Amino acid sequence: MLTHGQRWKFAFRAFFSLIFHGRIAPDILDALRPLPPPQPPPSAPVETTDRATQVLAIFQRDGRLVDFLMEDLAGYADAQIGAAVRDVHAGCRQALSRYATLVPVLEDEEGSTTALDGATDPARVKVVGHQPSGASVRGIVRHRGWEVARLELPPLPSAGRRVVAPAEVEIA
């Protein structure tokens, strides 16, 4: 927005520029150009649980994970639980490898000593114990961590996005 004094100055300059040169100076034209309308701030992405539900549905379909987790195991012997876990593990592992590739956050083996610099990202590495601020440290790898290198989920269904597993009814 131009001040009152700037408007007078531009008016005189434009007037004499038109009389003597037949044009208006570019800096005056630039100052008088309307500003582009302010852009609304980008809207935050709508957060849904659709993809999380889809992952649960995949683990349920391929490994019966949700059935296993929802079952009360108190009445079963350890041997029965162990046998069920093998099937759940195999199905879920196969589903995971079909849609995702996970890689360790740290290349060092668990139990080995590793060095961390002071700029270690806390989202990638959880440091347990006293760490001097900004200093490089050495520690023992207790867990290598996991990060997603590839994730290729199938397209979301158009309906039933909140259904992890449909009910089954057998007609007699």
N, C-alpha and C. Protein backbone atom coordinates (compact mmCIF):
# COMPACT_ATOMS: atom_id res chain seq x y z
N MET A 1 0.85 -1.17 0.00
CA MET A 1 0.00 0.00 0.00
C MET A 1 0.89 1.24 0.00
N LEU A 2 0.62 2.14 -0.88
CA LEU A 2 1.41 3.36 -1.00
C LEU A 2 0.97 4.39 0.03
N THR A 3 1.95 5.12 0.56
CA THR A 3 1.61 6.22 1.47
C THR A 3 1.15 7.42 0.66
N HIS A 4 0.61 8.40 1.34
CA HIS A 4 0.13 9.62 0.68
C HIS A 4 1.27 10.32 -0.07
N GLY A 5 2.44 10.41 0.57
CA GLY A 5 3.59 11.06 -0.05
C GLY A 5 4.09 10.30 -1.28
N GLN A 6 4.08 8.98 -1.21
CA GLN A 6 4.52 8.17 -2.36
C GLN A 6 3.57 8.36 -3.54
N ARG A 7 2.28 8.45 -3.26
CA ARG A 7 1.31 8.64 -4.35
C ARG A 7 1.56 9.96 -5.07
N TRP A 8 1.81 11.05 -4.33
CA TRP A 8 2.10 12.35 -4.94
C TRP A 8 3.38 12.29 -5.77
N LYS A 9 4.41 11.66 -5.20
CA LYS A 9 5.69 11.55 -5.90
C LYS A 9 5.52 10.78 -7.21
N PHE A 10 4.82 9.66 -7.17
CA PHE A 10 4.60 8.87 -8.38
C PHE A 10 3.74 9.62 -9.38
N ALA A 11 2.76 10.39 -8.90
CA ALA A 11 1.89 11.15 -9.81
C ALA A 11 2.70 12.17 -10.60
N PHE A 12 3.54 12.94 -9.92
CA PHE A 12 4.38 13.92 -10.63
C PHE A 12 5.35 13.24 -11.57
N ARG A 13 6.01 12.17 -11.10
CA ARG A 13 6.99 11.48 -11.96
C ARG A 13 6.29 10.90 -13.19
N ALA A 14 5.13 10.27 -12.98
CA ALA A 14 4.41 9.67 -14.10
C ALA A 14 3.96 10.74 -15.09
N PHE A 15 3.46 11.87 -14.57
CA PHE A 15 3.00 12.97 -15.42
C PHE A 15 4.14 13.47 -16.31
N PHE A 16 5.29 13.80 -15.72
CA PHE A 16 6.39 14.34 -16.50
C PHE A 16 7.06 13.27 -17.38
N SER A 17 7.06 12.03 -16.91
CA SER A 17 7.62 10.96 -17.72
C SER A 17 6.79 10.77 -18.99
N LEU A 18 5.47 10.85 -18.87
CA LEU A 18 4.60 10.72 -20.05
C LEU A 18 4.80 11.90 -21.00
N ILE A 19 4.92 13.09 -20.47
CA ILE A 19 5.09 14.27 -21.32
C ILE A 19 6.42 14.23 -22.06
N PHE A 20 7.52 13.95 -21.34
CA PHE A 20 8.85 14.03 -21.95
C PHE A 20 9.31 12.73 -22.62
N HIS A 21 8.86 11.55 -22.13
CA HIS A 21 9.38 10.28 -22.67
C HIS A 21 8.29 9.42 -23.33
N GLY A 22 7.04 9.76 -23.11
CA GLY A 22 5.95 8.99 -23.70
C GLY A 22 5.71 7.65 -23.03
N ARG A 23 6.23 7.46 -21.85
CA ARG A 23 6.02 6.19 -21.12
C ARG A 23 6.14 6.46 -19.63
N ILE A 24 5.69 5.48 -18.84
CA ILE A 24 5.82 5.57 -17.38
C ILE A 24 7.00 4.70 -16.97
N ALA A 25 7.78 5.20 -16.05
CA ALA A 25 8.98 4.47 -15.59
C ALA A 25 8.60 3.10 -15.03
N PRO A 26 9.42 2.07 -15.30
CA PRO A 26 9.10 0.71 -14.85
C PRO A 26 8.95 0.58 -13.34
N ASP A 27 9.75 1.35 -12.56
CA ASP A 27 9.63 1.21 -11.11
C ASP A 27 8.27 1.71 -10.61
N ILE A 28 7.68 2.70 -11.30
CA ILE A 28 6.35 3.18 -10.93
C ILE A 28 5.31 2.13 -11.28
N LEU A 29 5.44 1.55 -12.47
CA LEU A 29 4.50 0.49 -12.87
C LEU A 29 4.55 -0.69 -11.91
N ASP A 30 5.77 -1.08 -11.52
CA ASP A 30 5.90 -2.20 -10.58
C ASP A 30 5.24 -1.88 -9.25
N ALA A 31 5.41 -0.64 -8.77
CA ALA A 31 4.83 -0.26 -7.48
C ALA A 31 3.32 -0.20 -7.54
N LEU A 32 2.77 0.10 -8.71
CA LEU A 32 1.32 0.24 -8.84
C LEU A 32 0.60 -1.05 -9.22
N ARG A 33 1.35 -2.08 -9.59
CA ARG A 33 0.72 -3.37 -9.93
C ARG A 33 0.02 -3.93 -8.70
N PRO A 34 -1.18 -4.42 -8.89
CA PRO A 34 -1.86 -5.01 -7.72
C PRO A 34 -1.11 -6.25 -7.24
N LEU A 35 -1.07 -6.41 -5.95
CA LEU A 35 -0.44 -7.59 -5.37
C LEU A 35 -1.33 -8.80 -5.65
N PRO A 36 -0.73 -9.95 -5.84
CA PRO A 36 -1.56 -11.14 -6.03
C PRO A 36 -2.36 -11.40 -4.75
N PRO A 37 -3.56 -11.92 -4.91
CA PRO A 37 -4.36 -12.18 -3.70
C PRO A 37 -3.62 -13.17 -2.79
N PRO A 38 -3.73 -12.96 -1.51
CA PRO A 38 -3.03 -13.88 -0.60
C PRO A 38 -3.57 -15.30 -0.76
N GLN A 39 -2.66 -16.23 -0.79
CA GLN A 39 -3.05 -17.63 -0.92
C GLN A 39 -3.46 -18.16 0.45
N PRO A 40 -4.53 -18.90 0.50
CA PRO A 40 -4.90 -19.48 1.80
C PRO A 40 -3.81 -20.47 2.21
N PRO A 41 -3.59 -20.59 3.51
CA PRO A 41 -2.56 -21.54 3.94
C PRO A 41 -2.97 -22.94 3.51
N PRO A 42 -1.98 -23.77 3.17
CA PRO A 42 -2.33 -25.13 2.74
C PRO A 42 -3.07 -25.84 3.87
N SER A 43 -4.12 -26.51 3.48
CA SER A 43 -4.89 -27.22 4.50
C SER A 43 -4.12 -28.44 4.96
N ALA A 44 -4.26 -28.70 6.23
CA ALA A 44 -3.60 -29.88 6.79
C ALA A 44 -4.24 -31.11 6.17
N PRO A 45 -3.41 -32.12 5.89
CA PRO A 45 -4.01 -33.33 5.31
C PRO A 45 -5.02 -33.94 6.29
N VAL A 46 -6.10 -34.38 5.72
CA VAL A 46 -7.13 -35.02 6.55
C VAL A 46 -6.58 -36.35 7.03
N GLU A 47 -6.57 -36.48 8.32
CA GLU A 47 -6.03 -37.71 8.87
C GLU A 47 -7.16 -38.72 9.01
N THR A 48 -6.94 -39.86 8.44
CA THR A 48 -7.93 -40.92 8.56
C THR A 48 -7.23 -42.17 9.09
N THR A 49 -8.04 -43.09 9.48
CA THR A 49 -7.49 -44.36 9.94
C THR A 49 -7.62 -45.43 8.87
N ASP A 50 -7.96 -45.01 7.66
CA ASP A 50 -8.21 -45.98 6.59
C ASP A 50 -7.01 -46.89 6.33
N ARG A 51 -5.81 -46.32 6.22
CA ARG A 51 -4.63 -47.14 5.93
C ARG A 51 -4.28 -48.05 7.11
N ALA A 52 -4.42 -47.54 8.32
CA ALA A 52 -4.14 -48.38 9.49
C ALA A 52 -5.12 -49.56 9.53
N THR A 53 -6.38 -49.27 9.24
CA THR A 53 -7.38 -50.34 9.20
C THR A 53 -7.05 -51.33 8.09
N GLN A 54 -6.57 -50.82 6.96
CA GLN A 54 -6.19 -51.70 5.86
C GLN A 54 -5.06 -52.64 6.27
N VAL A 55 -4.06 -52.11 6.98
CA VAL A 55 -2.95 -52.96 7.43
C VAL A 55 -3.46 -54.03 8.39
N LEU A 56 -4.32 -53.65 9.33
CA LEU A 56 -4.91 -54.65 10.23
C LEU A 56 -5.69 -55.70 9.43
N ALA A 57 -6.43 -55.26 8.42
CA ALA A 57 -7.21 -56.20 7.61
C ALA A 57 -6.29 -57.16 6.86
N ILE A 58 -5.16 -56.67 6.37
CA ILE A 58 -4.21 -57.54 5.67
C ILE A 58 -3.64 -58.59 6.63
N PHE A 59 -3.24 -58.14 7.83
CA PHE A 59 -2.70 -59.09 8.82
C PHE A 59 -3.77 -60.07 9.30
N GLN A 60 -5.01 -59.62 9.35
CA GLN A 60 -6.09 -60.52 9.72
C GLN A 60 -6.34 -61.53 8.61
N ARG A 61 -6.41 -61.05 7.38
CA ARG A 61 -6.69 -61.93 6.25
C ARG A 61 -5.60 -62.98 6.08
N ASP A 62 -4.33 -62.56 6.15
CA ASP A 62 -3.23 -63.47 5.85
C ASP A 62 -2.70 -64.23 7.06
N GLY A 63 -2.87 -63.68 8.26
CA GLY A 63 -2.30 -64.33 9.42
C GLY A 63 -3.24 -64.52 10.59
N ARG A 64 -4.48 -64.06 10.45
CA ARG A 64 -5.48 -64.14 11.52
C ARG A 64 -4.98 -63.47 12.80
N LEU A 65 -4.20 -62.37 12.63
CA LEU A 65 -3.60 -61.68 13.77
C LEU A 65 -4.63 -61.11 14.73
N VAL A 66 -5.65 -60.46 14.21
CA VAL A 66 -6.65 -59.84 15.08
C VAL A 66 -7.40 -60.91 15.86
N ASP A 67 -7.76 -62.02 15.20
CA ASP A 67 -8.41 -63.12 15.92
C ASP A 67 -7.53 -63.59 17.08
N PHE A 68 -6.24 -63.76 16.80
CA PHE A 68 -5.30 -64.22 17.83
C PHE A 68 -5.22 -63.21 18.98
N LEU A 69 -5.10 -61.93 18.66
CA LEU A 69 -4.96 -60.92 19.71
C LEU A 69 -6.24 -60.74 20.52
N MET A 70 -7.38 -60.94 19.92
CA MET A 70 -8.65 -60.76 20.62
C MET A 70 -9.06 -62.00 21.43
N GLU A 71 -8.40 -63.10 21.20
CA GLU A 71 -8.71 -64.34 21.92
C GLU A 71 -8.17 -64.28 23.34
N ASP A 72 -8.96 -64.77 24.31
CA ASP A 72 -8.50 -64.89 25.69
C ASP A 72 -7.69 -66.18 25.77
N LEU A 73 -6.39 -66.07 26.02
CA LEU A 73 -5.51 -67.23 25.99
C LEU A 73 -5.37 -67.92 27.34
N ALA A 74 -6.05 -67.44 28.35
CA ALA A 74 -5.89 -67.98 29.71
C ALA A 74 -6.23 -69.47 29.77
N GLY A 75 -7.18 -69.94 29.00
CA GLY A 75 -7.62 -71.33 29.07
C GLY A 75 -6.81 -72.29 28.21
N TYR A 76 -5.80 -71.82 27.52
CA TYR A 76 -5.04 -72.67 26.62
C TYR A 76 -3.68 -73.01 27.22
N ALA A 77 -3.18 -74.18 26.88
CA ALA A 77 -1.84 -74.59 27.31
C ALA A 77 -0.80 -73.87 26.45
N ASP A 78 0.38 -73.73 27.00
CA ASP A 78 1.47 -73.06 26.27
C ASP A 78 1.75 -73.71 24.92
N ALA A 79 1.66 -75.03 24.86
CA ALA A 79 1.92 -75.73 23.61
C ALA A 79 0.88 -75.36 22.55
N GLN A 80 -0.38 -75.22 22.96
CA GLN A 80 -1.43 -74.82 22.01
C GLN A 80 -1.19 -73.39 21.51
N ILE A 81 -0.81 -72.51 22.43
CA ILE A 81 -0.54 -71.13 22.05
C ILE A 81 0.66 -71.07 21.10
N GLY A 82 1.70 -71.84 21.41
CA GLY A 82 2.89 -71.85 20.56
C GLY A 82 2.57 -72.32 19.15
N ALA A 83 1.72 -73.32 19.02
CA ALA A 83 1.35 -73.83 17.70
C ALA A 83 0.57 -72.76 16.93
N ALA A 84 -0.32 -72.06 17.63
CA ALA A 84 -1.11 -71.01 16.97
C ALA A 84 -0.21 -69.85 16.55
N VAL A 85 0.76 -69.52 17.40
CA VAL A 85 1.65 -68.40 17.09
C VAL A 85 2.45 -68.67 15.83
N ARG A 86 2.86 -69.90 15.60
CA ARG A 86 3.62 -70.22 14.39
C ARG A 86 2.82 -69.89 13.14
N ASP A 87 1.54 -70.25 13.11
CA ASP A 87 0.70 -69.97 11.96
C ASP A 87 0.48 -68.46 11.79
N VAL A 88 0.19 -67.78 12.89
CA VAL A 88 -0.03 -66.33 12.84
C VAL A 88 1.24 -65.65 12.36
N HIS A 89 2.38 -66.05 12.91
CA HIS A 89 3.67 -65.45 12.54
C HIS A 89 3.96 -65.65 11.05
N ALA A 90 3.77 -66.85 10.56
CA ALA A 90 4.08 -67.14 9.15
C ALA A 90 3.19 -66.31 8.23
N GLY A 91 1.89 -66.25 8.51
CA GLY A 91 0.98 -65.50 7.65
C GLY A 91 1.26 -64.00 7.68
N CYS A 92 1.49 -63.46 8.87
CA CYS A 92 1.74 -62.02 8.99
C CYS A 92 3.10 -61.65 8.38
N ARG A 93 4.08 -62.50 8.57
CA ARG A 93 5.40 -62.21 7.99
C ARG A 93 5.33 -62.20 6.46
N GLN A 94 4.59 -63.13 5.90
CA GLN A 94 4.43 -63.19 4.45
C GLN A 94 3.69 -61.94 3.94
N ALA A 95 2.65 -61.52 4.65
CA ALA A 95 1.91 -60.32 4.25
C ALA A 95 2.80 -59.09 4.34
N LEU A 96 3.57 -58.99 5.41
CA LEU A 96 4.47 -57.85 5.58
C LEU A 96 5.48 -57.78 4.45
N SER A 97 6.09 -58.90 4.11
CA SER A 97 7.11 -58.88 3.06
C SER A 97 6.49 -58.61 1.68
N ARG A 98 5.22 -58.94 1.49
CA ARG A 98 4.56 -58.68 0.22
C ARG A 98 4.35 -57.19 -0.01
N TYR A 99 4.02 -56.45 1.05
CA TYR A 99 3.65 -55.04 0.89
C TYR A 99 4.71 -54.06 1.39
N ALA A 100 5.68 -54.53 2.14
CA ALA A 100 6.66 -53.59 2.71
C ALA A 100 8.04 -54.23 2.77
N THR A 101 9.04 -53.35 2.73
CA THR A 101 10.41 -53.77 2.97
C THR A 101 10.89 -52.96 4.16
N LEU A 102 11.31 -53.67 5.20
CA LEU A 102 11.83 -53.02 6.39
C LEU A 102 13.33 -53.25 6.44
N VAL A 103 14.05 -52.22 6.84
CA VAL A 103 15.50 -52.32 6.99
C VAL A 103 15.88 -51.83 8.37
N PRO A 104 16.98 -52.34 8.92
CA PRO A 104 17.39 -51.87 10.25
C PRO A 104 17.80 -50.39 10.21
N VAL A 105 17.50 -49.69 11.28
CA VAL A 105 17.93 -48.29 11.41
C VAL A 105 19.45 -48.25 11.57
N LEU A 106 19.97 -49.15 12.39
CA LEU A 106 21.42 -49.25 12.59
C LEU A 106 21.93 -50.52 11.93
N GLU A 107 23.06 -50.43 11.29
CA GLU A 107 23.66 -51.60 10.65
C GLU A 107 24.37 -52.50 11.66
N ASP A 108 24.77 -51.94 12.80
CA ASP A 108 25.50 -52.71 13.81
C ASP A 108 24.60 -53.79 14.39
N GLU A 109 25.20 -54.92 14.72
CA GLU A 109 24.44 -56.04 15.29
C GLU A 109 24.07 -55.74 16.74
N GLU A 110 22.95 -56.33 17.19
CA GLU A 110 22.56 -56.17 18.59
C GLU A 110 23.64 -56.78 19.48
N GLY A 111 23.97 -56.05 20.55
CA GLY A 111 25.02 -56.49 21.47
C GLY A 111 26.38 -55.90 21.13
N SER A 112 26.55 -55.33 19.94
CA SER A 112 27.82 -54.74 19.56
C SER A 112 27.87 -53.28 20.02
N THR A 113 29.06 -52.73 20.03
CA THR A 113 29.26 -51.34 20.42
C THR A 113 29.19 -50.47 19.18
N THR A 114 28.53 -49.32 19.33
CA THR A 114 28.40 -48.40 18.21
C THR A 114 28.69 -46.98 18.68
N ALA A 115 29.07 -46.14 17.75
CA ALA A 115 29.33 -44.73 18.05
C ALA A 115 28.20 -43.89 17.46
N LEU A 116 27.74 -42.92 18.24
CA LEU A 116 26.70 -41.99 17.79
C LEU A 116 27.26 -40.58 17.88
N ASP A 117 27.01 -39.79 16.83
CA ASP A 117 27.46 -38.40 16.92
C ASP A 117 26.40 -37.59 17.65
N GLY A 118 26.71 -36.38 17.98
CA GLY A 118 25.81 -35.53 18.74
C GLY A 118 24.55 -35.13 18.00
N ALA A 119 24.53 -35.30 16.69
CA ALA A 119 23.37 -34.90 15.89
C ALA A 119 22.46 -36.07 15.56
N THR A 120 22.48 -37.11 16.36
CA THR A 120 21.65 -38.28 16.11
C THR A 120 20.18 -37.90 16.24
N ASP A 121 19.40 -38.29 15.24
CA ASP A 121 17.97 -38.00 15.22
C ASP A 121 17.26 -38.86 16.26
N PRO A 122 16.59 -38.25 17.25
CA PRO A 122 15.93 -39.04 18.30
C PRO A 122 14.75 -39.86 17.78
N ALA A 123 14.23 -39.54 16.61
CA ALA A 123 13.17 -40.35 16.03
C ALA A 123 13.73 -41.66 15.49
N ARG A 124 15.01 -41.67 15.16
CA ARG A 124 15.64 -42.87 14.58
C ARG A 124 16.37 -43.69 15.63
N VAL A 125 16.96 -43.03 16.63
CA VAL A 125 17.74 -43.74 17.64
C VAL A 125 17.35 -43.23 19.01
N LYS A 126 16.90 -44.13 19.86
CA LYS A 126 16.56 -43.80 21.25
C LYS A 126 17.79 -44.09 22.09
N VAL A 127 18.34 -43.04 22.69
CA VAL A 127 19.53 -43.19 23.53
C VAL A 127 19.06 -43.39 24.96
N VAL A 128 19.49 -44.50 25.56
CA VAL A 128 19.11 -44.82 26.92
C VAL A 128 20.33 -44.58 27.80
N GLY A 129 20.14 -43.84 28.88
CA GLY A 129 21.26 -43.54 29.77
C GLY A 129 21.65 -42.08 29.62
N HIS A 130 22.68 -41.68 30.33
CA HIS A 130 23.12 -40.28 30.33
C HIS A 130 23.91 -39.97 29.06
N GLN A 131 23.46 -38.96 28.35
CA GLN A 131 24.16 -38.52 27.14
C GLN A 131 24.50 -37.05 27.30
N PRO A 132 25.78 -36.71 27.31
CA PRO A 132 26.14 -35.29 27.36
C PRO A 132 25.58 -34.57 26.14
N SER A 133 25.06 -33.38 26.35
CA SER A 133 24.42 -32.61 25.29
C SER A 133 25.37 -32.36 24.13
N GLY A 134 24.95 -32.78 22.92
CA GLY A 134 25.70 -32.50 21.70
C GLY A 134 27.00 -33.27 21.56
N ALA A 135 27.28 -34.19 22.45
CA ALA A 135 28.55 -34.90 22.38
C ALA A 135 28.39 -36.24 21.67
N SER A 136 29.46 -36.70 21.06
CA SER A 136 29.47 -38.05 20.50
C SER A 136 29.60 -39.04 21.64
N VAL A 137 28.91 -40.16 21.50
CA VAL A 137 28.94 -41.18 22.56
C VAL A 137 29.09 -42.55 21.95
N ARG A 138 29.49 -43.50 22.79
CA ARG A 138 29.55 -44.91 22.39
C ARG A 138 28.59 -45.66 23.30
N GLY A 139 27.93 -46.65 22.72
CA GLY A 139 26.99 -47.43 23.51
C GLY A 139 26.78 -48.80 22.89
N ILE A 140 26.03 -49.63 23.59
CA ILE A 140 25.75 -50.99 23.13
C ILE A 140 24.38 -51.00 22.45
N VAL A 141 24.34 -51.57 21.27
CA VAL A 141 23.08 -51.66 20.51
C VAL A 141 22.19 -52.70 21.18
N ARG A 142 21.07 -52.23 21.71
CA ARG A 142 20.09 -53.14 22.34
C ARG A 142 19.03 -53.56 21.34
N HIS A 143 18.72 -52.70 20.39
CA HIS A 143 17.77 -53.03 19.32
C HIS A 143 18.18 -52.22 18.10
N ARG A 144 18.23 -52.85 16.95
CA ARG A 144 18.68 -52.18 15.73
C ARG A 144 17.64 -51.21 15.18
N GLY A 145 16.39 -51.36 15.58
CA GLY A 145 15.32 -50.52 15.06
C GLY A 145 14.91 -50.96 13.67
N TRP A 146 13.78 -50.44 13.21
CA TRP A 146 13.28 -50.75 11.87
C TRP A 146 12.77 -49.49 11.23
N GLU A 147 13.00 -49.36 9.95
CA GLU A 147 12.40 -48.28 9.18
C GLU A 147 11.92 -48.84 7.85
N VAL A 148 10.93 -48.17 7.29
CA VAL A 148 10.33 -48.63 6.04
C VAL A 148 11.17 -48.14 4.87
N ALA A 149 11.62 -49.08 4.07
CA ALA A 149 12.35 -48.74 2.84
C ALA A 149 11.39 -48.74 1.64
N ARG A 150 10.35 -49.56 1.73
CA ARG A 150 9.34 -49.65 0.66
C ARG A 150 8.00 -49.97 1.29
N LEU A 151 6.97 -49.28 0.86
CA LEU A 151 5.61 -49.56 1.32
C LEU A 151 4.69 -49.40 0.12
N GLU A 152 4.10 -50.50 -0.31
CA GLU A 152 3.23 -50.50 -1.48
C GLU A 152 1.94 -51.22 -1.13
N LEU A 153 1.06 -50.50 -0.45
CA LEU A 153 -0.23 -51.08 -0.09
C LEU A 153 -1.14 -51.08 -1.31
N PRO A 154 -2.05 -52.04 -1.38
CA PRO A 154 -2.99 -52.04 -2.50
C PRO A 154 -3.93 -50.83 -2.38
N PRO A 155 -4.62 -50.48 -3.45
CA PRO A 155 -5.58 -49.37 -3.37
C PRO A 155 -6.63 -49.64 -2.29
N LEU A 156 -7.08 -48.57 -1.67
CA LEU A 156 -8.12 -48.72 -0.64
C LEU A 156 -9.43 -49.11 -1.29
N PRO A 157 -10.20 -49.95 -0.63
CA PRO A 157 -11.51 -50.29 -1.18
C PRO A 157 -12.42 -49.07 -1.12
N SER A 158 -13.41 -49.02 -1.98
CA SER A 158 -14.32 -47.88 -1.99
C SER A 158 -15.31 -47.95 -0.84
N ALA A 159 -15.60 -49.14 -0.34
CA ALA A 159 -16.54 -49.28 0.76
C ALA A 159 -15.92 -50.17 1.83
N GLY A 160 -16.45 -50.08 3.02
CA GLY A 160 -16.00 -50.94 4.11
C GLY A 160 -14.61 -50.64 4.60
N ARG A 161 -14.21 -49.40 4.56
CA ARG A 161 -12.84 -49.05 4.93
C ARG A 161 -12.56 -49.24 6.42
N ARG A 162 -13.58 -49.33 7.23
CA ARG A 162 -13.37 -49.51 8.67
C ARG A 162 -13.51 -50.98 9.08
N VAL A 163 -13.79 -51.84 8.14
CA VAL A 163 -13.95 -53.26 8.44
C VAL A 163 -12.61 -53.95 8.35
N VAL A 164 -12.18 -54.54 9.48
CA VAL A 164 -10.92 -55.28 9.50
C VAL A 164 -11.15 -56.67 8.93
N ALA A 165 -12.22 -57.28 9.32
CA ALA A 165 -12.59 -58.60 8.80
C ALA A 165 -14.11 -58.68 8.76
N PRO A 166 -14.65 -59.03 7.63
CA PRO A 166 -16.12 -59.15 7.59
C PRO A 166 -16.58 -60.34 8.40
N ALA A 167 -17.78 -60.24 8.92
CA ALA A 167 -18.37 -61.39 9.59
C ALA A 167 -18.64 -62.46 8.53
N GLU A 168 -18.60 -63.69 8.95
CA GLU A 168 -18.87 -64.79 8.01
C GLU A 168 -20.11 -65.53 8.45
N VAL A 169 -21.01 -65.76 7.54
CA VAL A 169 -22.24 -66.50 7.83
C VAL A 169 -22.35 -67.61 6.80
N GLU A 170 -22.41 -68.82 7.30
CA GLU A 170 -22.56 -69.97 6.41
C GLU A 170 -24.03 -70.32 6.32
N ILE A 171 -24.50 -70.44 5.09
CA ILE A 171 -25.89 -70.80 4.85
C ILE A 171 -26.00 -72.32 4.88
N ALA A 172 -26.93 -72.79 5.70
CA ALA A 172 -27.09 -74.24 5.85
C ALA A 172 -28.11 -74.78 4.89
